All heavy atoms as atom14 arrays in JSON, in Angstrom:
{
  "sequence": "LEMNSLKPEDTAVYYCNVNAPYGNYWGQGTQ",
  "atom14_mask": [
    [1, 1, 1, 1, 1, 1, 1, 1, 0, 0, 0, 0, 0, 0],
    [1, 1, 1, 1, 1, 1, 1, 1, 1, 0, 0, 0, 0, 0],
    [1, 1, 1, 1, 1, 1, 1, 1, 0, 0, 0, 0, 0, 0],
    [1, 1, 1, 1, 1, 1, 1, 1, 0, 0, 0, 0, 0, 0],
    [1, 1, 1, 1, 1, 1, 0, 0, 0, 0, 0, 0, 0, 0],
    [1, 1, 1, 1, 1, 1, 1, 1, 0, 0, 0, 0, 0, 0],
    [1, 1, 1, 1, 1, 1, 1, 1, 1, 0, 0, 0, 0, 0],
    [1, 1, 1, 1, 1, 1, 1, 0, 0, 0, 0, 0, 0, 0],
    [1, 1, 1, 1, 1, 1, 1, 1, 1, 0, 0, 0, 0, 0],
    [1, 1, 1, 1, 1, 1, 1, 1, 0, 0, 0, 0, 0, 0],
    [1, 1, 1, 1, 1, 1, 1, 0, 0, 0, 0, 0, 0, 0],
    [1, 1, 1, 1, 1, 0, 0, 0, 0, 0, 0, 0, 0, 0],
    [1, 1, 1, 1, 1, 1, 1, 0, 0, 0, 0, 0, 0, 0],
    [1, 1, 1, 1, 1, 1, 1, 1, 1, 1, 1, 1, 0, 0],
    [1, 1, 1, 1, 1, 1, 1, 1, 1, 1, 1, 1, 0, 0],
    [1, 1, 1, 1, 1, 1, 0, 0, 0, 0, 0, 0, 0, 0],
    [1, 1, 1, 1, 1, 1, 1, 1, 0, 0, 0, 0, 0, 0],
    [1, 1, 1, 1, 1, 1, 1, 0, 0, 0, 0, 0, 0, 0],
    [1, 1, 1, 1, 1, 1, 1, 1, 0, 0, 0, 0, 0, 0],
    [1, 1, 1, 1, 1, 0, 0, 0, 0, 0, 0, 0, 0, 0],
    [1, 1, 1, 1, 1, 1, 1, 0, 0, 0, 0, 0, 0, 0],
    [1, 1, 1, 1, 1, 1, 1, 1, 1, 1, 1, 1, 0, 0],
    [1, 1, 1, 1, 0, 0, 0, 0, 0, 0, 0, 0, 0, 0],
    [1, 1, 1, 1, 1, 1, 1, 1, 0, 0, 0, 0, 0, 0],
    [1, 1, 1, 1, 1, 1, 1, 1, 1, 1, 1, 1, 0, 0],
    [1, 1, 1, 1, 1, 1, 1, 1, 1, 1, 1, 1, 1, 1],
    [1, 1, 1, 1, 0, 0, 0, 0, 0, 0, 0, 0, 0, 0],
    [1, 1, 1, 1, 1, 1, 1, 1, 1, 0, 0, 0, 0, 0],
    [1, 1, 1, 1, 0, 0, 0, 0, 0, 0, 0, 0, 0, 0],
    [1, 1, 1, 1, 1, 1, 1, 0, 0, 0, 0, 0, 0, 0],
    [1, 1, 1, 1, 1, 1, 1, 1, 1, 0, 0, 0, 0, 0]
  ],
  "atom14_positions": [
    [[58.47, 35.36, -51.82], [58.41, 36.38, -50.71], [59.49, 37.38, -51.03], [60.67, 37.04, -50.92], [58.58, 35.75, -49.3], [58.46, 36.72, -48.2], [56.97, 37.14, -48.07], [58.91, 36.09, -46.85], [0.0, 0.0, 0.0], [0.0, 0.0, 0.0], [0.0, 0.0, 0.0], [0.0, 0.0, 0.0], [0.0, 0.0, 0.0], [0.0, 0.0, 0.0]],
    [[59.09, 38.53, -51.49], [60.02, 39.62, -51.78], [60.22, 40.36, -50.48], [59.22, 40.87, -49.91], [59.45, 40.48, -52.86], [60.4, 41.61, -53.31], [61.51, 41.13, -54.2], [61.3, 40.18, -54.97], [62.65, 41.7, -54.09], [0.0, 0.0, 0.0], [0.0, 0.0, 0.0], [0.0, 0.0, 0.0], [0.0, 0.0, 0.0], [0.0, 0.0, 0.0]],
    [[61.48, 40.47, -50.06], [61.78, 41.14, -48.77], [62.65, 42.32, -49.01], [63.79, 42.16, -49.53], [62.45, 40.17, -47.82], [61.64, 38.86, -47.62], [62.39, 37.73, -46.38], [63.92, 37.32, -47.22], [0.0, 0.0, 0.0], [0.0, 0.0, 0.0], [0.0, 0.0, 0.0], [0.0, 0.0, 0.0], [0.0, 0.0, 0.0], [0.0, 0.0, 0.0]],
    [[62.18, 43.5, -48.69], [62.94, 44.7, -48.9], [63.16, 45.41, -47.53], [62.53, 45.04, -46.53], [62.19, 45.66, -49.8], [61.95, 45.09, -51.2], [62.89, 44.56, -51.79], [60.76, 45.21, -51.71], [0.0, 0.0, 0.0], [0.0, 0.0, 0.0], [0.0, 0.0, 0.0], [0.0, 0.0, 0.0], [0.0, 0.0, 0.0], [0.0, 0.0, 0.0]],
    [[64.07, 46.35, -47.51], [64.4, 47.13, -46.29], [64.61, 46.15, -45.1], [64.08, 46.33, -44.04], [63.28, 48.08, -45.99], [63.08, 48.99, -47.04], [0.0, 0.0, 0.0], [0.0, 0.0, 0.0], [0.0, 0.0, 0.0], [0.0, 0.0, 0.0], [0.0, 0.0, 0.0], [0.0, 0.0, 0.0], [0.0, 0.0, 0.0], [0.0, 0.0, 0.0]],
    [[65.42, 45.13, -45.36], [65.62, 44.14, -44.35], [66.32, 44.64, -43.1], [67.18, 45.57, -43.21], [66.41, 42.99, -44.92], [65.6, 42.02, -45.79], [66.54, 41.16, -46.68], [64.73, 41.13, -44.94], [0.0, 0.0, 0.0], [0.0, 0.0, 0.0], [0.0, 0.0, 0.0], [0.0, 0.0, 0.0], [0.0, 0.0, 0.0], [0.0, 0.0, 0.0]],
    [[65.94, 44.14, -41.97], [66.49, 44.54, -40.67], [67.14, 43.33, -40.03], [66.77, 42.21, -40.26], [65.36, 45.05, -39.79], [64.53, 46.16, -40.38], [63.4, 46.5, -39.45], [62.5, 47.61, -40.05], [61.33, 47.92, -39.19], [0.0, 0.0, 0.0], [0.0, 0.0, 0.0], [0.0, 0.0, 0.0], [0.0, 0.0, 0.0], [0.0, 0.0, 0.0]],
    [[68.09, 43.59, -39.1], [68.7, 42.47, -38.42], [67.69, 41.57, -37.72], [67.93, 40.33, -37.64], [69.62, 43.16, -37.39], [70.01, 44.45, -38.06], [68.74, 44.89, -38.78], [0.0, 0.0, 0.0], [0.0, 0.0, 0.0], [0.0, 0.0, 0.0], [0.0, 0.0, 0.0], [0.0, 0.0, 0.0], [0.0, 0.0, 0.0], [0.0, 0.0, 0.0]],
    [[66.61, 42.16, -37.27], [65.58, 41.36, -36.56], [64.83, 40.45, -37.55], [64.0, 39.64, -37.08], [64.62, 42.22, -35.77], [64.01, 43.35, -36.55], [64.79, 44.67, -36.31], [66.07, 44.65, -36.34], [64.13, 45.7, -36.15], [0.0, 0.0, 0.0], [0.0, 0.0, 0.0], [0.0, 0.0, 0.0], [0.0, 0.0, 0.0], [0.0, 0.0, 0.0]],
    [[65.03, 40.54, -38.8], [64.44, 39.67, -39.81], [65.24, 38.37, -39.94], [64.82, 37.45, -40.64], [64.33, 40.32, -41.2], [63.38, 41.48, -41.18], [62.28, 41.39, -40.57], [63.71, 42.53, -41.83], [0.0, 0.0, 0.0], [0.0, 0.0, 0.0], [0.0, 0.0, 0.0], [0.0, 0.0, 0.0], [0.0, 0.0, 0.0], [0.0, 0.0, 0.0]],
    [[66.4, 38.33, -39.3], [67.22, 37.1, -39.34], [66.47, 35.92, -38.77], [65.98, 35.94, -37.62], [68.51, 37.37, -38.57], [69.28, 38.37, -39.21], [69.34, 36.07, -38.47], [0.0, 0.0, 0.0], [0.0, 0.0, 0.0], [0.0, 0.0, 0.0], [0.0, 0.0, 0.0], [0.0, 0.0, 0.0], [0.0, 0.0, 0.0], [0.0, 0.0, 0.0]],
    [[66.38, 34.84, -39.56], [65.61, 33.67, -39.12], [65.73, 32.63, -40.24], [66.18, 32.91, -41.35], [64.15, 34.02, -38.93], [0.0, 0.0, 0.0], [0.0, 0.0, 0.0], [0.0, 0.0, 0.0], [0.0, 0.0, 0.0], [0.0, 0.0, 0.0], [0.0, 0.0, 0.0], [0.0, 0.0, 0.0], [0.0, 0.0, 0.0], [0.0, 0.0, 0.0]],
    [[65.24, 31.48, -39.91], [65.0, 30.42, -40.95], [63.57, 30.63, -41.4], [62.62, 30.66, -40.61], [65.2, 29.0, -40.4], [64.89, 27.95, -41.5], [66.61, 28.82, -39.9], [0.0, 0.0, 0.0], [0.0, 0.0, 0.0], [0.0, 0.0, 0.0], [0.0, 0.0, 0.0], [0.0, 0.0, 0.0], [0.0, 0.0, 0.0], [0.0, 0.0, 0.0]],
    [[63.38, 30.76, -42.7], [62.11, 31.0, -43.31], [61.56, 29.71, -43.93], [62.24, 29.06, -44.64], [62.17, 32.09, -44.36], [62.32, 33.47, -43.78], [63.51, 33.87, -43.13], [61.25, 34.4, -43.85], [63.6, 35.14, -42.58], [61.35, 35.64, -43.32], [62.54, 36.02, -42.66], [62.67, 37.26, -42.1], [0.0, 0.0, 0.0], [0.0, 0.0, 0.0]],
    [[60.28, 29.45, -43.54], [59.67, 28.16, -43.94], [58.41, 28.49, -44.79], [57.63, 29.38, -44.44], [59.22, 27.37, -42.76], [60.34, 26.93, -41.86], [60.75, 27.68, -40.77], [60.97, 25.69, -42.05], [61.8, 27.26, -39.94], [62.01, 25.24, -41.23], [62.42, 26.02, -40.18], [63.39, 25.6, -39.37], [0.0, 0.0, 0.0], [0.0, 0.0, 0.0]],
    [[58.27, 27.66, -45.83], [57.01, 27.72, -46.61], [56.03, 26.71, -46.0], [56.39, 25.68, -45.53], [57.4, 27.31, -48.04], [56.05, 27.37, -49.22], [0.0, 0.0, 0.0], [0.0, 0.0, 0.0], [0.0, 0.0, 0.0], [0.0, 0.0, 0.0], [0.0, 0.0, 0.0], [0.0, 0.0, 0.0], [0.0, 0.0, 0.0], [0.0, 0.0, 0.0]],
    [[54.76, 27.08, -46.08], [53.73, 26.27, -45.46], [52.47, 26.13, -46.39], [52.05, 27.16, -47.02], [53.29, 26.81, -44.13], [52.12, 26.15, -43.53], [50.99, 26.65, -43.64], [52.28, 24.99, -42.84], [0.0, 0.0, 0.0], [0.0, 0.0, 0.0], [0.0, 0.0, 0.0], [0.0, 0.0, 0.0], [0.0, 0.0, 0.0], [0.0, 0.0, 0.0]],
    [[51.94, 24.97, -46.44], [50.65, 24.72, -47.11], [49.78, 24.09, -46.08], [50.1, 23.06, -45.47], [50.79, 23.83, -48.36], [49.42, 23.36, -48.8], [51.45, 24.6, -49.45], [0.0, 0.0, 0.0], [0.0, 0.0, 0.0], [0.0, 0.0, 0.0], [0.0, 0.0, 0.0], [0.0, 0.0, 0.0], [0.0, 0.0, 0.0], [0.0, 0.0, 0.0]],
    [[48.61, 24.71, -45.86], [47.59, 24.16, -44.94], [46.42, 23.68, -45.8], [45.76, 24.48, -46.53], [47.14, 25.22, -43.98], [46.12, 24.65, -43.02], [44.95, 24.78, -43.17], [46.62, 23.97, -41.92], [0.0, 0.0, 0.0], [0.0, 0.0, 0.0], [0.0, 0.0, 0.0], [0.0, 0.0, 0.0], [0.0, 0.0, 0.0], [0.0, 0.0, 0.0]],
    [[46.11, 22.43, -45.66], [45.0, 21.83, -46.44], [44.19, 20.92, -45.54], [44.63, 20.46, -44.46], [45.58, 21.0, -47.6], [0.0, 0.0, 0.0], [0.0, 0.0, 0.0], [0.0, 0.0, 0.0], [0.0, 0.0, 0.0], [0.0, 0.0, 0.0], [0.0, 0.0, 0.0], [0.0, 0.0, 0.0], [0.0, 0.0, 0.0], [0.0, 0.0, 0.0]],
    [[42.96, 20.56, -45.96], [42.15, 19.7, -45.13], [42.76, 18.34, -44.92], [42.46, 17.67, -43.91], [40.89, 19.51, -45.99], [40.8, 20.77, -46.83], [42.21, 21.11, -47.15], [0.0, 0.0, 0.0], [0.0, 0.0, 0.0], [0.0, 0.0, 0.0], [0.0, 0.0, 0.0], [0.0, 0.0, 0.0], [0.0, 0.0, 0.0], [0.0, 0.0, 0.0]],
    [[43.68, 17.96, -45.82], [44.29, 16.62, -45.7], [45.65, 16.65, -45.06], [46.34, 15.62, -44.95], [44.42, 16.01, -47.08], [44.91, 16.93, -48.12], [46.29, 17.14, -48.36], [44.04, 17.7, -48.87], [46.76, 18.01, -49.32], [44.46, 18.57, -49.84], [45.82, 18.74, -50.02], [46.26, 19.63, -51.0], [0.0, 0.0, 0.0], [0.0, 0.0, 0.0]],
    [[46.13, 17.83, -44.59], [47.42, 17.92, -43.93], [47.98, 19.33, -43.86], [47.51, 20.24, -44.55], [0.0, 0.0, 0.0], [0.0, 0.0, 0.0], [0.0, 0.0, 0.0], [0.0, 0.0, 0.0], [0.0, 0.0, 0.0], [0.0, 0.0, 0.0], [0.0, 0.0, 0.0], [0.0, 0.0, 0.0], [0.0, 0.0, 0.0], [0.0, 0.0, 0.0]],
    [[49.01, 19.49, -43.04], [49.74, 20.73, -42.92], [51.21, 20.46, -43.29], [51.84, 19.59, -42.64], [49.67, 21.23, -41.46], [50.07, 22.66, -41.38], [49.82, 23.51, -42.22], [50.73, 22.99, -40.25], [0.0, 0.0, 0.0], [0.0, 0.0, 0.0], [0.0, 0.0, 0.0], [0.0, 0.0, 0.0], [0.0, 0.0, 0.0], [0.0, 0.0, 0.0]],
    [[51.67, 21.14, -44.28], [52.98, 20.75, -44.83], [54.0, 21.87, -44.75], [53.66, 23.08, -44.82], [52.83, 20.4, -46.32], [51.84, 19.25, -46.52], [50.57, 19.44, -46.73], [52.33, 17.91, -46.49], [49.62, 18.39, -46.91], [51.44, 16.86, -46.61], [50.1, 17.1, -46.85], [49.25, 16.05, -46.98], [0.0, 0.0, 0.0], [0.0, 0.0, 0.0]],
    [[55.25, 21.51, -44.52], [56.33, 22.45, -44.39], [57.5, 22.15, -45.32], [57.77, 20.96, -45.55], [56.86, 22.44, -42.91], [55.83, 22.83, -41.9], [55.0, 22.05, -41.21], [55.55, 24.19, -41.47], [54.23, 22.79, -40.33], [54.52, 24.09, -40.48], [56.07, 25.43, -41.79], [54.04, 25.22, -39.83], [55.56, 26.54, -41.16], [54.53, 26.47, -40.2]],
    [[58.21, 23.14, -45.74], [59.46, 22.94, -46.41], [60.55, 22.77, -45.4], [60.38, 22.78, -44.19], [0.0, 0.0, 0.0], [0.0, 0.0, 0.0], [0.0, 0.0, 0.0], [0.0, 0.0, 0.0], [0.0, 0.0, 0.0], [0.0, 0.0, 0.0], [0.0, 0.0, 0.0], [0.0, 0.0, 0.0], [0.0, 0.0, 0.0], [0.0, 0.0, 0.0]],
    [[61.78, 22.66, -45.92], [62.93, 22.4, -45.05], [63.51, 23.72, -44.49], [64.29, 23.65, -43.55], [64.06, 21.65, -45.79], [64.94, 22.51, -46.7], [64.28, 23.06, -47.91], [63.17, 22.66, -48.28], [64.98, 24.0, -48.61], [0.0, 0.0, 0.0], [0.0, 0.0, 0.0], [0.0, 0.0, 0.0], [0.0, 0.0, 0.0], [0.0, 0.0, 0.0]],
    [[63.07, 24.82, -45.03], [63.56, 26.11, -44.51], [64.7, 26.64, -45.29], [65.54, 25.92, -45.83], [0.0, 0.0, 0.0], [0.0, 0.0, 0.0], [0.0, 0.0, 0.0], [0.0, 0.0, 0.0], [0.0, 0.0, 0.0], [0.0, 0.0, 0.0], [0.0, 0.0, 0.0], [0.0, 0.0, 0.0], [0.0, 0.0, 0.0], [0.0, 0.0, 0.0]],
    [[64.85, 27.97, -45.34], [66.0, 28.61, -45.91], [66.48, 29.73, -44.93], [65.64, 30.49, -44.45], [65.66, 29.17, -47.32], [66.86, 29.68, -47.92], [64.61, 30.23, -47.3], [0.0, 0.0, 0.0], [0.0, 0.0, 0.0], [0.0, 0.0, 0.0], [0.0, 0.0, 0.0], [0.0, 0.0, 0.0], [0.0, 0.0, 0.0], [0.0, 0.0, 0.0]],
    [[67.77, 29.82, -44.73], [68.31, 30.76, -43.76], [68.38, 32.17, -44.36], [68.95, 32.37, -45.45], [69.64, 30.3, -43.26], [70.35, 31.26, -42.35], [69.7, 31.34, -40.97], [69.4, 30.3, -40.38], [69.49, 32.54, -40.45], [0.0, 0.0, 0.0], [0.0, 0.0, 0.0], [0.0, 0.0, 0.0], [0.0, 0.0, 0.0], [0.0, 0.0, 0.0]]
  ]
}
């Protein structure tokens, strides 16, 4: 995820997600 022109309101923990028929998976997040 390339993020440009970042704004203060973009501040968050960002999570990666995979949605599959056998499950919904998340990473641990990055601040």
